[in-house]
Amino acid sequence: MHVFGSNELVEDVLKTDLCVGCGACVNLCPYYKTWRGKTARLFPCDLPRGRCHAYCPKAEVDLDELSRKIWQTTYDGSPLGNHRKIIAARAGEKMLPGAFQAGGTVSALVTVALRNGLIDAVALTDRQGLTPVARLITDWREVVNCAGTKLMAAPTLAAVNEAVGQGRRRLGVVGTACQMTAVAQMRTNPLEEEDFSDPIALAVGLFCNWSLDTRQFQQFLSAKIDLAAIRGMDVPPPPADILVLTTDTGTVEIPLSQIKPIIAQTCFTCPDMTAEFADVSVGMFEGRPGWNTVIVRSDKGAELIEKARGEKYLETEAMPEENIAHLSRAAAEKKARALRMLMRRNLLNNKNGRHAAVRMPTEIVERILKG
């Protein structure tokens, strides 16, 4: 693994608009802070190697090395990544009511993990006003308070770093694909510390195509609606092509064509749609409102699904093959688009004298681009 220091992180990520605001570099030291979707370094640092760089999902991410360490197998570029099975799920009858996104599967899984002591705390994304913020939760009853999509870059992993700094272990974390990549790097002891212990007991990933620049999005919305009146937001599956805001007085629909110009540019370099390094990945079930698509990737994830179902916190069904095929095509297309963008920006496999954002075996790159 190619690990550099804070100076390289600033030059290669912060100054090139690759930063996604995931929080992986925050709360490791006093130097990095995040505010309304933006990450900044407050003080200079000359350490040649640092966790800030090692954890970043946009700096020297070697997907083959990461796959070997997390899944004990090579990275093959398959659209949906390493997995055991794909099912449909939704929150069961014992789940506390809440403002769930789609089927409430994520909230149900995290609730069961906390209730059964499988994790001692979980890093989730909450909101202050409309701004996403990191929150560490230890009480399962509070999980539903963080339900619902935020659509904006969230510094969720800052809560993980803070918890580890406090000596906490057996942590859960819920995050997007890029955040799951950062979590995977955290788990592999990239600085080869002798006293290292993996602090992550459960990683739940969220399907993600893009996130919005927080400041631009809030500025955009403030010209149309009172931000304090917004209670939730969602992007329904195609062919809707709209953003739906839930407010105190009803709903507001905004064409996605107006939203797309404020997508964070770094999202176009991400080859992962389904959070391939999570224990369980969860997204929408297109064509069936109130249900989720769930990709079960690890033994730990499979055991949690079975426990949640057995305790009636989760209801599951088989996933139709046509839905799996559609998801696979969409994920493959995202990989190919991202590789083309990485190549265009000279960010793939350290070419033209630049540090790489992503490293991937050449034969896998060729296979993905050929489709």
Protein backbone atom coordinates (compact mmCIF):
# COMPACT_ATOMS: atom_id res chain seq x y z
CA MET A 1 0.00 0.00 0.00
CA HIS A 2 1.35 3.42 -0.97
CA VAL A 3 1.00 5.64 2.11
CA PHE A 4 2.20 9.22 2.17
CA GLY A 5 1.64 12.11 4.54
CA SER A 6 -0.52 15.13 5.14
CA ASN A 7 1.21 17.27 2.51
CA GLU A 8 0.48 14.72 -0.20
CA LEU A 9 -3.14 14.48 0.98
CA VAL A 10 -3.55 18.22 0.61
CA GLU A 11 -1.90 18.36 -2.80
CA ASP A 12 -3.44 15.21 -4.28
CA VAL A 13 -6.94 15.32 -2.76
CA LEU A 14 -7.96 18.62 -1.18
CA LYS A 15 -6.52 20.85 -3.88
CA THR A 16 -7.85 18.74 -6.76
CA ASP A 17 -11.51 18.52 -5.67
CA LEU A 18 -11.20 14.80 -4.96
CA CYS A 19 -12.18 15.14 -1.30
CA VAL A 20 -15.63 13.68 -0.62
CA GLY A 21 -15.89 14.94 2.95
CA CYS A 22 -16.19 11.44 4.44
CA GLY A 23 -14.49 12.37 7.71
CA ALA A 24 -11.77 9.68 7.51
CA CYS A 25 -9.01 12.24 8.17
CA VAL A 26 -10.91 14.12 10.91
CA ASN A 27 -10.36 13.55 14.66
CA LEU A 28 -7.07 11.73 14.10
CA CYS A 29 -5.17 14.86 15.11
CA PRO A 30 -6.12 18.53 15.64
CA TYR A 31 -5.10 19.46 12.09
CA TYR A 32 -8.07 18.39 9.95
CA LYS A 33 -11.56 19.76 10.45
CA THR A 34 -14.79 19.55 8.48
CA TRP A 35 -17.50 22.16 8.13
CA ARG A 36 -20.64 22.02 5.99
CA GLY A 37 -19.28 19.39 3.65
CA LYS A 38 -15.78 20.82 3.30
CA THR A 39 -12.60 19.44 4.84
CA ALA A 40 -9.59 21.65 5.52
CA ARG A 41 -6.15 21.33 7.08
CA LEU A 42 -5.65 24.00 9.72
CA PHE A 43 -1.93 23.57 10.41
CA PRO A 44 1.05 22.27 8.40
CA CYS A 45 2.36 18.77 9.05
CA ASP A 46 5.56 17.24 7.68
CA LEU A 47 5.09 13.61 8.75
CA PRO A 48 6.09 11.44 5.77
CA ARG A 49 3.33 8.90 6.48
CA GLY A 50 0.04 9.40 8.26
CA ARG A 51 -3.32 7.82 8.97
CA CYS A 52 -5.01 10.78 7.28
CA HIS A 53 -3.52 9.68 3.95
CA ALA A 54 -3.73 5.95 4.67
CA TYR A 55 -7.47 6.07 5.37
CA CYS A 56 -8.48 8.43 2.56
CA PRO A 57 -10.72 6.73 -0.05
CA LYS A 58 -9.40 9.06 -2.75
CA ALA A 59 -5.66 8.60 -2.33
CA GLU A 60 -3.67 5.58 -3.53
CA VAL A 61 -6.51 3.09 -3.03
CA ASP A 62 -5.17 -0.27 -4.23
CA LEU A 63 -8.34 -2.26 -4.85
CA ASP A 64 -6.55 -5.56 -5.40
CA GLU A 65 -4.54 -5.27 -2.19
CA LEU A 66 -7.63 -4.18 -0.28
CA SER A 67 -9.67 -7.08 -1.64
CA ARG A 68 -6.96 -9.57 -0.66
CA LYS A 69 -6.89 -8.24 2.90
CA ILE A 70 -10.66 -7.90 3.41
CA TRP A 71 -12.00 -10.80 1.32
CA GLN A 72 -8.88 -12.97 0.95
CA THR A 73 -9.30 -12.96 -2.81
CA THR A 74 -8.15 -10.89 -5.77
CA TYR A 75 -10.11 -7.91 -7.08
CA ASP A 76 -11.85 -9.09 -10.22
CA GLY A 77 -13.84 -5.96 -11.11
CA SER A 78 -17.19 -7.75 -10.96
CA PRO A 79 -20.03 -5.20 -10.96
CA LEU A 80 -21.39 -6.01 -7.48
CA GLY A 81 -18.18 -7.09 -5.79
CA ASN A 82 -17.65 -10.01 -3.46
CA HIS A 83 -20.97 -11.31 -2.07
CA ARG A 84 -22.82 -14.38 -0.89
CA LYS A 85 -26.40 -13.59 -1.87
CA ILE A 86 -28.82 -10.79 -2.75
CA ILE A 87 -32.24 -10.55 -1.08
CA ALA A 88 -35.14 -8.18 -0.55
CA ALA A 89 -35.80 -6.91 2.97
CA ARG A 90 -37.74 -4.42 5.05
CA ALA A 91 -38.13 -3.55 8.73
CA GLY A 92 -40.15 -6.15 10.62
CA GLU A 93 -43.05 -5.88 13.04
CA LYS A 94 -40.89 -5.36 16.15
CA MET A 95 -38.96 -2.43 14.70
CA LEU A 96 -39.70 0.96 16.27
CA PRO A 97 -41.51 3.29 13.85
CA GLY A 98 -39.39 5.95 12.20
CA ALA A 99 -38.88 8.07 9.09
CA PHE A 100 -37.21 5.22 7.24
CA GLN A 101 -35.70 5.53 3.79
CA ALA A 102 -37.27 2.84 1.61
CA GLY A 103 -37.69 -0.27 3.76
CA GLY A 104 -35.88 0.65 6.99
CA THR A 105 -33.53 -2.32 6.67
CA VAL A 106 -30.43 -0.40 7.79
CA SER A 107 -32.11 0.88 10.94
CA ALA A 108 -33.36 -2.62 11.73
CA LEU A 109 -29.93 -4.22 11.33
CA VAL A 110 -28.17 -1.60 13.45
CA THR A 111 -30.87 -1.85 16.11
CA VAL A 112 -30.46 -5.62 16.37
CA ALA A 113 -26.66 -5.34 16.48
CA LEU A 114 -26.83 -2.87 19.39
CA ARG A 115 -29.57 -4.73 21.26
CA ASN A 116 -27.63 -7.98 21.13
CA GLY A 117 -24.26 -6.51 22.04
CA LEU A 118 -22.72 -7.33 18.66
CA ILE A 119 -21.49 -3.73 18.64
CA ASP A 120 -21.05 -1.31 21.53
CA ALA A 121 -21.65 1.86 19.49
CA VAL A 122 -22.39 2.86 15.91
CA ALA A 123 -21.36 5.83 13.79
CA LEU A 124 -24.37 7.22 11.92
CA THR A 125 -25.21 10.35 9.97
CA ASP A 126 -27.55 12.82 11.64
CA ARG A 127 -28.56 16.35 10.69
CA GLN A 128 -28.14 19.77 12.24
CA GLY A 129 -30.70 21.73 10.34
CA LEU A 130 -30.09 20.49 6.83
CA THR A 131 -26.36 19.84 7.31
CA PRO A 132 -25.23 16.19 7.70
CA VAL A 133 -23.19 15.57 10.86
CA ALA A 134 -21.49 12.54 12.40
CA ARG A 135 -23.10 10.99 15.46
CA LEU A 136 -21.99 8.11 17.68
CA ILE A 137 -24.91 6.20 19.18
CA THR A 138 -24.85 3.63 21.97
CA ASP A 139 -28.61 3.32 22.66
CA TRP A 140 -30.54 1.25 20.11
CA ARG A 141 -33.65 3.38 20.72
CA GLU A 142 -31.91 6.37 19.14
CA VAL A 143 -31.11 4.67 15.84
CA VAL A 144 -34.40 5.66 14.18
CA ASN A 145 -33.61 9.34 14.84
CA CYS A 146 -30.87 9.15 12.20
CA ALA A 147 -32.96 7.37 9.56
CA GLY A 148 -33.42 8.92 6.13
CA THR A 149 -31.13 10.01 3.34
CA LYS A 150 -29.17 13.27 3.45
CA LEU A 151 -27.93 13.25 -0.18
CA MET A 152 -24.93 15.38 0.82
CA ALA A 153 -21.34 14.58 1.76
CA ALA A 154 -21.26 13.52 5.41
CA PRO A 155 -18.25 13.34 7.78
CA THR A 156 -19.56 10.14 9.39
CA LEU A 157 -16.12 8.59 9.82
CA ALA A 158 -15.06 11.43 12.10
CA ALA A 159 -17.23 9.75 14.75
CA VAL A 160 -15.35 6.47 14.22
CA ASN A 161 -11.98 8.17 14.70
CA GLU A 162 -13.21 9.98 17.80
CA ALA A 163 -14.52 6.74 19.29
CA VAL A 164 -11.25 4.91 18.59
CA GLY A 165 -9.34 7.79 20.18
CA GLN A 166 -11.45 7.30 23.30
CA GLY A 167 -10.42 3.65 23.42
CA ARG A 168 -13.71 2.26 22.12
CA ARG A 169 -13.77 -0.94 20.08
CA ARG A 170 -16.52 -3.17 18.63
CA LEU A 171 -17.84 -0.27 16.59
CA GLY A 172 -20.49 -0.31 13.91
CA VAL A 173 -20.56 2.17 11.05
CA VAL A 174 -23.11 2.97 8.34
CA GLY A 175 -21.85 4.78 5.27
CA THR A 176 -21.68 5.15 1.53
CA ALA A 177 -19.38 3.26 -0.84
CA CYS A 178 -16.44 5.66 -0.50
CA GLN A 179 -16.81 5.59 3.28
CA MET A 180 -16.77 1.79 3.26
CA THR A 181 -13.54 1.93 1.26
CA ALA A 182 -12.05 4.18 3.94
CA VAL A 183 -13.30 1.85 6.68
CA ALA A 184 -11.73 -1.12 4.90
CA GLN A 185 -8.40 0.71 4.83
CA MET A 186 -8.72 1.52 8.53
CA ARG A 187 -9.18 -2.19 9.24
CA THR A 188 -6.04 -3.33 7.41
CA ASN A 189 -3.51 -1.60 9.71
CA PRO A 190 -1.97 0.41 6.85
CA LEU A 191 0.79 1.89 9.04
CA GLU A 192 1.70 -1.57 10.38
CA GLU A 193 1.35 -0.58 14.04
CA GLU A 194 2.38 -3.31 16.47
CA ASP A 195 -0.44 -2.62 18.93
CA PHE A 196 -3.15 -2.36 16.23
CA SER A 197 -6.56 -3.94 16.76
CA ASP A 198 -9.43 -3.74 14.30
CA PRO A 199 -12.08 -1.47 15.89
CA ILE A 200 -14.84 -2.24 13.38
CA ALA A 201 -17.26 -5.01 14.31
CA LEU A 202 -19.90 -4.20 11.67
CA ALA A 203 -19.85 -2.22 8.43
CA VAL A 204 -23.17 -1.50 6.72
CA GLY A 205 -22.86 0.09 3.28
CA LEU A 206 -25.32 2.21 1.34
CA PHE A 207 -25.76 2.09 -2.43
CA CYS A 208 -24.62 5.42 -3.85
CA ASN A 209 -24.28 7.00 -7.27
CA TRP A 210 -23.41 10.51 -6.12
CA SER A 211 -23.62 13.04 -3.32
CA LEU A 212 -24.24 16.77 -3.50
CA ASP A 213 -21.97 19.62 -2.51
CA THR A 214 -23.48 20.67 0.82
CA ARG A 215 -23.00 24.41 0.51
CA GLN A 216 -24.14 24.63 -3.10
CA PHE A 217 -27.16 22.41 -2.40
CA GLN A 218 -28.27 24.48 0.57
CA GLN A 219 -27.81 27.68 -1.38
CA PHE A 220 -29.82 26.21 -4.24
CA LEU A 221 -32.66 25.11 -1.96
CA SER A 222 -32.77 28.33 0.06
CA ALA A 223 -33.80 30.20 -3.08
CA LYS A 224 -36.82 27.90 -3.43
CA ILE A 225 -37.93 26.89 0.06
CA ASP A 226 -37.52 27.57 3.77
CA LEU A 227 -34.73 25.16 4.76
CA ALA A 228 -36.11 24.88 8.31
CA ALA A 229 -39.35 23.43 6.91
CA ILE A 230 -37.64 20.44 5.22
CA ARG A 231 -38.25 17.17 7.06
CA GLY A 232 -36.91 14.68 4.54
CA MET A 233 -35.75 14.14 0.98
CA ASP A 234 -35.64 11.32 -1.52
CA VAL A 235 -34.73 10.53 -5.11
CA PRO A 236 -37.29 7.99 -6.36
CA PRO A 237 -36.06 5.30 -8.77
CA PRO A 238 -36.23 5.87 -12.55
CA PRO A 239 -38.11 6.98 -14.51
CA ALA A 240 -39.15 9.62 -11.92
CA ASP A 241 -36.04 11.82 -12.50
CA ILE A 242 -36.92 14.13 -9.60
CA LEU A 243 -35.85 15.09 -6.09
CA VAL A 244 -38.74 15.02 -3.63
CA LEU A 245 -38.61 17.21 -0.53
CA THR A 246 -40.98 16.50 2.35
CA THR A 247 -41.88 19.69 4.22
CA ASP A 248 -44.17 20.78 7.05
CA THR A 249 -46.89 21.55 4.52
CA GLY A 250 -46.49 18.83 1.89
CA THR A 251 -44.00 17.87 -0.80
CA VAL A 252 -41.91 19.78 -3.31
CA GLU A 253 -40.59 18.17 -6.50
CA ILE A 254 -37.42 19.41 -8.20
CA PRO A 255 -36.19 18.04 -11.56
CA LEU A 256 -32.86 16.22 -11.22
CA SER A 257 -31.59 18.22 -14.19
CA GLN A 258 -31.40 21.19 -11.79
CA ILE A 259 -29.59 19.14 -9.15
CA LYS A 260 -26.95 17.42 -11.28
CA PRO A 261 -24.72 20.51 -11.72
CA ILE A 262 -24.04 20.51 -7.96
CA ILE A 263 -23.01 16.85 -7.69
CA ALA A 264 -19.58 16.65 -6.06
CA GLN A 265 -17.13 16.17 -8.94
CA THR A 266 -15.19 13.50 -7.04
CA CYS A 267 -18.20 11.19 -7.32
CA PHE A 268 -17.50 10.79 -11.02
CA THR A 269 -14.21 9.06 -10.17
CA CYS A 270 -15.79 6.44 -7.87
CA PRO A 271 -16.03 2.92 -9.37
CA ASP A 272 -18.17 1.49 -6.55
CA MET A 273 -21.96 1.82 -6.54
CA THR A 274 -22.86 -0.83 -3.97
CA ALA A 275 -20.34 -0.39 -1.12
CA GLU A 276 -18.31 -3.48 -1.98
CA PHE A 277 -16.24 -3.54 1.23
CA ALA A 278 -19.17 -3.63 3.66
CA ASP A 279 -20.47 -6.66 5.55
CA VAL A 280 -23.94 -5.87 4.23
CA SER A 281 -24.89 -3.37 1.51
CA VAL A 282 -28.36 -1.86 1.27
CA GLY A 283 -30.16 0.16 -1.40
CA MET A 284 -33.53 0.75 -2.99
CA PHE A 285 -35.64 -2.03 -4.44
CA GLU A 286 -36.65 -0.45 -7.72
CA GLY A 287 -40.28 -1.02 -8.55
CA ARG A 288 -41.26 -2.04 -5.04
CA PRO A 289 -41.65 0.88 -2.63
CA GLY A 290 -41.12 0.12 1.04
CA TRP A 291 -38.51 -2.58 0.40
CA ASN A 292 -34.73 -2.65 0.13
CA THR A 293 -32.23 -4.53 -1.98
CA VAL A 294 -29.69 -6.19 0.34
CA ILE A 295 -26.32 -7.61 -0.71
CA VAL A 296 -24.95 -9.98 1.94
CA ARG A 297 -21.16 -10.08 1.68
CA SER A 298 -19.62 -11.60 4.81
CA ASP A 299 -20.35 -14.31 7.36
CA LYS A 300 -20.89 -11.57 9.90
CA GLY A 301 -23.44 -9.91 7.64
CA ALA A 302 -25.27 -13.17 6.99
CA GLU A 303 -25.46 -13.95 10.70
CA LEU A 304 -26.87 -10.50 11.47
CA ILE A 305 -29.54 -10.87 8.78
CA GLU A 306 -30.62 -14.21 10.25
CA LYS A 307 -30.70 -12.84 13.80
CA ALA A 308 -32.74 -9.79 12.75
CA ARG A 309 -35.18 -11.99 10.88
CA GLY A 310 -35.46 -14.48 13.76
CA GLU A 311 -36.21 -11.67 16.21
CA LYS A 312 -38.82 -10.20 13.83
CA TYR A 313 -36.92 -6.94 13.34
CA LEU A 314 -36.51 -7.80 9.67
CA GLU A 315 -38.61 -9.39 6.97
CA THR A 316 -36.91 -10.87 3.91
CA GLU A 317 -37.85 -12.33 0.54
CA ALA A 318 -36.05 -13.63 -2.52
CA MET A 319 -34.81 -11.02 -4.99
CA PRO A 320 -36.08 -11.50 -8.57
CA GLU A 321 -33.31 -12.35 -11.02
CA GLU A 322 -34.31 -9.52 -13.36
CA ASN A 323 -33.75 -6.99 -10.56
CA ILE A 324 -30.31 -8.44 -9.83
CA ALA A 325 -29.43 -8.24 -13.51
CA HIS A 326 -30.54 -4.61 -13.70
CA LEU A 327 -28.53 -3.70 -10.60
CA SER A 328 -25.48 -5.46 -12.01
CA ARG A 329 -25.71 -3.54 -15.29
CA ALA A 330 -26.02 -0.21 -13.49
CA ALA A 331 -23.03 -0.99 -11.25
CA ALA A 332 -20.94 -2.10 -14.25
CA GLU A 333 -21.74 1.12 -16.09
CA LYS A 334 -20.68 3.20 -13.09
CA LYS A 335 -17.36 1.34 -12.91
CA ALA A 336 -16.66 1.97 -16.57
CA ARG A 337 -17.60 5.66 -16.36
CA ALA A 338 -15.40 6.14 -13.30
CA LEU A 339 -12.40 4.45 -14.91
CA ARG A 340 -12.70 6.66 -17.97
CA MET A 341 -12.78 9.75 -15.76
CA LEU A 342 -9.82 8.53 -13.70
CA MET A 343 -7.85 7.92 -16.87
CA ARG A 344 -8.82 11.32 -18.27
CA ARG A 345 -7.53 12.97 -15.08
CA ASN A 346 -4.37 10.81 -14.92
CA LEU A 347 -5.47 9.38 -11.56
CA LEU A 348 -5.44 5.66 -12.36
CA ASN A 349 -2.34 3.58 -11.58
CA ASN A 350 0.08 6.46 -11.07
CA LYS A 351 0.69 7.63 -14.61
CA ASN A 352 2.35 10.79 -15.91
CA GLY A 353 4.20 11.38 -12.66
CA ARG A 354 1.13 11.81 -10.46
CA HIS A 355 0.09 9.86 -7.41
CA ALA A 356 -2.83 7.58 -8.11
CA ALA A 357 -6.30 7.97 -6.67
CA VAL A 358 -7.09 4.35 -7.57
CA ARG A 359 -4.88 1.37 -8.39
CA MET A 360 -6.28 -1.60 -10.27
CA PRO A 361 -4.68 -4.43 -12.28
CA THR A 362 -4.42 -3.46 -15.95
CA GLU A 363 -6.21 -6.60 -17.13
CA ILE A 364 -9.16 -5.77 -14.85
CA VAL A 365 -9.31 -2.21 -16.18
CA GLU A 366 -9.44 -3.55 -19.75
CA ARG A 367 -12.13 -6.08 -18.84
CA ILE A 368 -14.36 -3.43 -17.23
CA LEU A 369 -13.99 -1.02 -20.13
CA LYS A 370 -14.83 -3.72 -22.65
CA GLY A 371 -18.02 -4.50 -20.73
